[in-house]
Amino acid sequence: MSCLRGNDETIVNTWQLIEERYRNGYTSPYHWEAGLLVRVIDSAQRATLLAR
């Protein structure tokens, strides 16, 4: 989790999604680097790479 301050000095909390779980037991993990989402692996083990 990271804390950011907006223009009016209010604190905004941001949560990074680590893994999504489905009812049937499958999962999709998410991989982050330097605060950016860089890779998602779906329940069929296919990797999606995201451009930085």
N, C-alpha and C. Protein backbone atom coordinates (compact mmCIF):
# COMPACT_ATOMS: atom_id res chain seq x y z
N MET A 1 0.84 -1.17 0.00
CA MET A 1 0.00 0.00 0.00
C MET A 1 0.88 1.23 0.00
N SER A 2 0.47 2.24 -0.73
CA SER A 2 1.22 3.49 -0.72
C SER A 2 0.28 4.62 -0.35
N CYS A 3 0.83 5.63 0.26
CA CYS A 3 0.05 6.81 0.62
C CYS A 3 0.47 7.96 -0.28
N LEU A 4 -0.52 8.60 -0.87
CA LEU A 4 -0.26 9.74 -1.74
C LEU A 4 -0.97 10.96 -1.18
N ARG A 5 -0.39 12.12 -1.38
CA ARG A 5 -1.04 13.36 -0.96
C ARG A 5 -1.52 14.10 -2.19
N GLY A 6 -2.78 14.47 -2.17
CA GLY A 6 -3.36 15.22 -3.29
C GLY A 6 -3.05 16.70 -3.16
N ASN A 7 -3.59 17.49 -4.07
CA ASN A 7 -3.36 18.94 -4.07
C ASN A 7 -3.87 19.60 -2.82
N ASP A 8 -4.95 19.05 -2.24
CA ASP A 8 -5.51 19.66 -1.04
C ASP A 8 -4.95 19.02 0.23
N GLU A 9 -3.83 18.26 0.11
CA GLU A 9 -3.12 17.64 1.22
C GLU A 9 -3.92 16.53 1.91
N THR A 10 -4.98 16.01 1.27
CA THR A 10 -5.66 14.85 1.83
C THR A 10 -4.86 13.61 1.48
N ILE A 11 -4.92 12.62 2.34
CA ILE A 11 -4.17 11.39 2.12
C ILE A 11 -5.05 10.41 1.35
N VAL A 12 -4.50 9.87 0.27
CA VAL A 12 -5.20 8.89 -0.55
C VAL A 12 -4.42 7.59 -0.45
N ASN A 13 -5.09 6.51 -0.05
CA ASN A 13 -4.45 5.20 0.04
C ASN A 13 -4.67 4.42 -1.24
N THR A 14 -3.62 3.81 -1.76
CA THR A 14 -3.69 3.00 -2.97
C THR A 14 -3.23 1.60 -2.63
N TRP A 15 -4.03 0.60 -2.98
CA TRP A 15 -3.70 -0.80 -2.72
C TRP A 15 -3.35 -1.48 -4.03
N GLN A 16 -2.29 -2.27 -4.03
CA GLN A 16 -1.91 -3.03 -5.21
C GLN A 16 -2.55 -4.42 -5.12
N LEU A 17 -3.29 -4.80 -6.16
CA LEU A 17 -3.90 -6.12 -6.22
C LEU A 17 -2.80 -7.15 -6.42
N ILE A 18 -2.74 -8.16 -5.56
CA ILE A 18 -1.71 -9.19 -5.63
C ILE A 18 -2.22 -10.42 -6.36
N GLU A 19 -3.46 -10.81 -6.06
CA GLU A 19 -3.99 -12.03 -6.66
C GLU A 19 -5.51 -11.97 -6.66
N GLU A 20 -6.10 -12.46 -7.73
CA GLU A 20 -7.54 -12.56 -7.82
C GLU A 20 -7.91 -14.04 -7.73
N ARG A 21 -8.88 -14.37 -6.89
CA ARG A 21 -9.29 -15.76 -6.71
C ARG A 21 -10.74 -15.92 -7.17
N TYR A 22 -10.98 -17.03 -7.86
CA TYR A 22 -12.31 -17.29 -8.41
C TYR A 22 -13.00 -18.40 -7.64
N ARG A 23 -14.31 -18.51 -7.78
CA ARG A 23 -15.10 -19.51 -7.05
C ARG A 23 -14.64 -20.93 -7.33
N ASN A 24 -14.18 -21.20 -8.53
CA ASN A 24 -13.79 -22.56 -8.90
C ASN A 24 -12.38 -22.92 -8.46
N GLY A 25 -11.72 -22.05 -7.72
CA GLY A 25 -10.39 -22.34 -7.19
C GLY A 25 -9.24 -21.81 -8.02
N TYR A 26 -9.52 -21.26 -9.20
CA TYR A 26 -8.46 -20.70 -10.03
C TYR A 26 -8.01 -19.35 -9.50
N THR A 27 -6.75 -19.00 -9.79
CA THR A 27 -6.22 -17.71 -9.36
C THR A 27 -5.54 -17.01 -10.53
N SER A 28 -5.45 -15.69 -10.44
CA SER A 28 -4.69 -14.88 -11.39
C SER A 28 -3.78 -13.95 -10.58
N PRO A 29 -2.49 -14.27 -10.50
CA PRO A 29 -1.58 -13.39 -9.76
C PRO A 29 -1.16 -12.17 -10.60
N TYR A 30 -0.91 -11.08 -9.93
CA TYR A 30 -0.48 -9.83 -10.55
C TYR A 30 0.92 -9.51 -10.06
N HIS A 31 1.78 -9.04 -10.95
CA HIS A 31 3.16 -8.71 -10.59
C HIS A 31 3.42 -7.23 -10.84
N TRP A 32 3.99 -6.57 -9.84
CA TRP A 32 4.23 -5.12 -9.86
C TRP A 32 5.72 -4.85 -9.75
N GLU A 33 6.17 -3.80 -10.44
CA GLU A 33 7.54 -3.31 -10.31
C GLU A 33 7.49 -1.79 -10.27
N ALA A 34 8.12 -1.22 -9.27
CA ALA A 34 8.17 0.25 -9.10
C ALA A 34 6.79 0.87 -9.14
N GLY A 35 5.81 0.19 -8.54
CA GLY A 35 4.46 0.73 -8.47
C GLY A 35 3.63 0.56 -9.73
N LEU A 36 4.15 -0.14 -10.76
CA LEU A 36 3.42 -0.33 -12.00
C LEU A 36 3.12 -1.81 -12.22
N LEU A 37 1.92 -2.10 -12.69
CA LEU A 37 1.55 -3.46 -13.02
C LEU A 37 2.28 -3.87 -14.29
N VAL A 38 3.08 -4.93 -14.22
CA VAL A 38 3.90 -5.33 -15.37
C VAL A 38 3.53 -6.70 -15.94
N ARG A 39 2.85 -7.56 -15.14
CA ARG A 39 2.55 -8.90 -15.65
C ARG A 39 1.35 -9.48 -14.91
N VAL A 40 0.50 -10.17 -15.68
CA VAL A 40 -0.64 -10.90 -15.13
C VAL A 40 -0.58 -12.31 -15.68
N ILE A 41 -0.78 -13.30 -14.83
CA ILE A 41 -0.83 -14.69 -15.27
C ILE A 41 -2.24 -15.18 -15.01
N ASP A 42 -2.94 -15.59 -16.09
CA ASP A 42 -4.33 -16.02 -15.91
C ASP A 42 -4.40 -17.46 -15.42
N SER A 43 -5.62 -17.94 -15.20
CA SER A 43 -5.81 -19.26 -14.61
C SER A 43 -5.33 -20.40 -15.52
N ALA A 44 -5.14 -20.13 -16.81
CA ALA A 44 -4.60 -21.14 -17.74
C ALA A 44 -3.09 -21.02 -17.86
N GLN A 45 -2.47 -20.24 -16.96
CA GLN A 45 -1.02 -20.02 -16.91
C GLN A 45 -0.47 -19.26 -18.11
N ARG A 46 -1.31 -18.47 -18.78
CA ARG A 46 -0.86 -17.60 -19.85
C ARG A 46 -0.43 -16.27 -19.24
N ALA A 47 0.74 -15.80 -19.62
CA ALA A 47 1.27 -14.55 -19.08
C ALA A 47 0.97 -13.40 -20.03
N THR A 48 0.52 -12.30 -19.47
CA THR A 48 0.30 -11.07 -20.23
C THR A 48 1.29 -10.05 -19.68
N LEU A 49 2.20 -9.56 -20.55
CA LEU A 49 3.16 -8.55 -20.15
C LEU A 49 2.63 -7.18 -20.56
N LEU A 50 2.77 -6.23 -19.67
CA LEU A 50 2.27 -4.88 -19.94
C LEU A 50 3.45 -3.95 -20.18
N ALA A 51 3.30 -3.07 -21.16
CA ALA A 51 4.37 -2.13 -21.51
C ALA A 51 4.54 -1.10 -20.40
N ARG A 52 5.77 -0.68 -20.20
CA ARG A 52 6.04 0.35 -19.19
C ARG A 52 6.14 1.69 -19.84
